[in-house]
């Protein structure tokens, strides 16, 4: 299990991947959630409109330091794709750990 101290900046920190045509590494972004700082609670009325949580999101949610804030509809905001069906949705953002996100 990985534990990241800082916020990932939304959607994942860069991951160094060996380039297929050479002996060098290139940064790849968007490799999934790398932290739990964007924990949100989606209302039940809209929760079923979201795709299911993937393994890496479940792992990051397990790392969340305030288990009393977790609900069945907890998600990482960086993994929620907004659609027109979500128009008018109000999302609860619990207080979280200190972060360096401006």
C-alpha atoms as a PDB file:
ATOM      1  CA  UNK A   1       0.000   0.000   0.000  1.00  0.00           C
ATOM      2  CA  UNK A   2       1.323   3.424  -0.944  1.00  0.00           C
ATOM      3  CA  UNK A   3       0.912   6.523   1.191  1.00  0.00           C
ATOM      4  CA  UNK A   4       1.475   9.958  -0.277  1.00  0.00           C
ATOM      5  CA  UNK A   5       1.928  12.931   2.026  1.00  0.00           C
ATOM      6  CA  UNK A   6       1.059  15.775  -0.363  1.00  0.00           C
ATOM      7  CA  UNK A   7      -1.932  16.369  -2.547  1.00  0.00           C
ATOM      8  CA  UNK A   8      -1.560  14.948  -6.045  1.00  0.00           C
ATOM      9  CA  UNK A   9      -2.869  18.045  -7.797  1.00  0.00           C
ATOM     10  CA  UNK A  10      -5.910  16.278  -9.222  1.00  0.00           C
ATOM     11  CA  UNK A  11      -5.924  12.986 -11.038  1.00  0.00           C
ATOM     12  CA  UNK A  12      -2.505  11.707 -10.214  1.00  0.00           C
ATOM     13  CA  UNK A  13       1.079  12.657  -9.807  1.00  0.00           C
ATOM     14  CA  UNK A  14       3.453  12.139 -12.703  1.00  0.00           C
ATOM     15  CA  UNK A  15       4.691   8.599 -13.043  1.00  0.00           C
ATOM     16  CA  UNK A  16       8.018   7.909 -14.760  1.00  0.00           C
ATOM     17  CA  UNK A  17       7.524   5.337 -17.519  1.00  0.00           C
ATOM     18  CA  UNK A  18      10.361   3.808 -19.538  1.00  0.00           C
ATOM     19  CA  UNK A  19       9.920   5.116 -23.077  1.00  0.00           C
ATOM     20  CA  UNK A  20       9.306   2.373 -25.643  1.00  0.00           C
ATOM     21  CA  UNK A  21      11.958   3.690 -28.055  1.00  0.00           C
ATOM     22  CA  UNK A  22      14.955   4.389 -25.910  1.00  0.00           C
ATOM     23  CA  UNK A  23      16.588   4.185 -22.555  1.00  0.00           C
ATOM     24  CA  UNK A  24      14.932   7.192 -20.990  1.00  0.00           C
ATOM     25  CA  UNK A  25      11.950   7.834 -18.795  1.00  0.00           C
ATOM     26  CA  UNK A  26       9.101  10.199 -19.558  1.00  0.00           C
ATOM     27  CA  UNK A  27       6.506  11.558 -17.149  1.00  0.00           C
ATOM     28  CA  UNK A  28       2.985  10.255 -17.663  1.00  0.00           C
ATOM     29  CA  UNK A  29       0.099  12.068 -16.030  1.00  0.00           C
ATOM     30  CA  UNK A  30      -3.393  10.947 -15.151  1.00  0.00           C
ATOM     31  CA  UNK A  31      -2.376   7.519 -13.872  1.00  0.00           C
ATOM     32  CA  UNK A  32      -5.196   7.589 -11.343  1.00  0.00           C
ATOM     33  CA  UNK A  33      -5.583   8.968  -7.851  1.00  0.00           C
ATOM     34  CA  UNK A  34      -2.443   9.293  -5.784  1.00  0.00           C
ATOM     35  CA  UNK A  35      -3.901  10.766  -2.593  1.00  0.00           C
ATOM     36  CA  UNK A  36      -7.166  11.201  -0.688  1.00  0.00           C
ATOM     37  CA  UNK A  37      -7.250  14.988  -0.356  1.00  0.00           C
ATOM     38  CA  UNK A  38     -10.211  15.493  -2.704  1.00  0.00           C
ATOM     39  CA  UNK A  39     -12.602  13.264  -0.725  1.00  0.00           C
ATOM     40  CA  UNK A  40     -16.213  14.323  -1.328  1.00  0.00           C
ATOM     41  CA  UNK A  41     -19.582  12.875  -0.440  1.00  0.00           C
ATOM     42  CA  UNK A  42     -22.003  12.561  -3.350  1.00  0.00           C
ATOM     43  CA  UNK A  43     -25.743  12.744  -2.589  1.00  0.00           C
ATOM     44  CA  UNK A  44     -27.569   9.442  -2.958  1.00  0.00           C
ATOM     45  CA  UNK A  45     -29.819  11.021  -5.592  1.00  0.00           C
ATOM     46  CA  UNK A  46     -26.840  11.324  -7.957  1.00  0.00           C
ATOM     47  CA  UNK A  47     -24.537   8.563  -6.737  1.00  0.00           C
ATOM     48  CA  UNK A  48     -25.965   5.854  -9.012  1.00  0.00           C
ATOM     49  CA  UNK A  49     -25.182   8.025 -12.054  1.00  0.00           C
ATOM     50  CA  UNK A  50     -21.459   7.550 -11.419  1.00  0.00           C
ATOM     51  CA  UNK A  51     -19.359   4.659 -12.637  1.00  0.00           C
ATOM     52  CA  UNK A  52     -18.265   2.254  -9.879  1.00  0.00           C
ATOM     53  CA  UNK A  53     -15.136   2.961  -7.867  1.00  0.00           C
ATOM     54  CA  UNK A  54     -11.995   1.431  -9.308  1.00  0.00           C
ATOM     55  CA  UNK A  55      -9.431  -0.411  -7.166  1.00  0.00           C
ATOM     56  CA  UNK A  56      -7.013   2.518  -6.955  1.00  0.00           C
ATOM     57  CA  UNK A  57      -9.780   4.865  -5.773  1.00  0.00           C
ATOM     58  CA  UNK A  58     -10.898   2.351  -3.138  1.00  0.00           C
ATOM     59  CA  UNK A  59      -7.309   2.089  -1.892  1.00  0.00           C
ATOM     60  CA  UNK A  60      -6.940   5.873  -1.593  1.00  0.00           C
ATOM     61  CA  UNK A  61     -10.254   6.143   0.259  1.00  0.00           C
ATOM     62  CA  UNK A  62      -9.023   3.511   2.723  1.00  0.00           C
ATOM     63  CA  UNK A  63      -6.065   5.814   3.457  1.00  0.00           C
ATOM     64  CA  UNK A  64      -8.369   8.700   4.423  1.00  0.00           C
ATOM     65  CA  UNK A  65      -7.358   9.704   7.974  1.00  0.00           C
ATOM     66  CA  UNK A  66     -10.882  10.547   9.239  1.00  0.00           C
ATOM     67  CA  UNK A  67     -12.967   7.347   8.995  1.00  0.00           C
ATOM     68  CA  UNK A  68     -15.889   9.058  10.734  1.00  0.00           C
ATOM     69  CA  UNK A  69     -16.333  11.192   7.580  1.00  0.00           C
ATOM     70  CA  UNK A  70     -16.556   8.216   5.225  1.00  0.00           C
ATOM     71  CA  UNK A  71     -19.936   7.196   3.823  1.00  0.00           C
ATOM     72  CA  UNK A  72     -21.173   4.686   1.260  1.00  0.00           C
ATOM     73  CA  UNK A  73     -21.254   7.545  -1.249  1.00  0.00           C
ATOM     74  CA  UNK A  74     -17.717   8.810  -0.576  1.00  0.00           C
ATOM     75  CA  UNK A  75     -15.695   9.409  -3.739  1.00  0.00           C
ATOM     76  CA  UNK A  76     -12.528  11.159  -4.827  1.00  0.00           C
ATOM     77  CA  UNK A  77     -13.522  14.278  -6.751  1.00  0.00           C
ATOM     78  CA  UNK A  78     -10.670  13.780  -9.218  1.00  0.00           C
ATOM     79  CA  UNK A  79     -12.309  10.513 -10.315  1.00  0.00           C
ATOM     80  CA  UNK A  80     -15.820  11.894 -10.854  1.00  0.00           C
ATOM     81  CA  UNK A  81     -16.617  12.907 -14.423  1.00  0.00           C
ATOM     82  CA  UNK A  82     -19.279  15.587 -14.436  1.00  0.00           C
ATOM     83  CA  UNK A  83     -22.212  14.975 -16.784  1.00  0.00           C
ATOM     84  CA  UNK A  84     -25.355  16.901 -17.649  1.00  0.00           C
ATOM     85  CA  UNK A  85     -27.336  14.483 -15.435  1.00  0.00           C
ATOM     86  CA  UNK A  86     -25.571  15.994 -12.426  1.00  0.00           C
ATOM     87  CA  UNK A  87     -26.896  19.491 -13.026  1.00  0.00           C
ATOM     88  CA  UNK A  88     -27.942  20.969  -9.679  1.00  0.00           C
ATOM     89  CA  UNK A  89     -26.061  18.388  -7.611  1.00  0.00           C
ATOM     90  CA  UNK A  90     -24.708  19.632  -4.284  1.00  0.00           C
ATOM     91  CA  UNK A  91     -21.585  17.861  -3.046  1.00  0.00           C
ATOM     92  CA  UNK A  92     -20.502  17.754   0.595  1.00  0.00           C
ATOM     93  CA  UNK A  93     -16.803  18.443   1.141  1.00  0.00           C
ATOM     94  CA  UNK A  94     -15.752  17.347   4.634  1.00  0.00           C
ATOM     95  CA  UNK A  95     -12.937  19.097   6.439  1.00  0.00           C
ATOM     96  CA  UNK A  96      -9.766  17.290   5.601  1.00  0.00           C
ATOM     97  CA  UNK A  97      -6.099  17.301   6.497  1.00  0.00           C
ATOM     98  CA  UNK A  98      -4.002  20.388   5.785  1.00  0.00           C
ATOM     99  CA  UNK A  99      -2.925  20.652   2.169  1.00  0.00           C
ATOM    100  CA  UNK A 100      -0.666  22.833   0.076  1.00  0.00           C
ATOM    101  CA  UNK A 101      -3.334  23.187  -2.646  1.00  0.00           C
ATOM    102  CA  UNK A 102      -3.826  26.936  -3.262  1.00  0.00           C
END
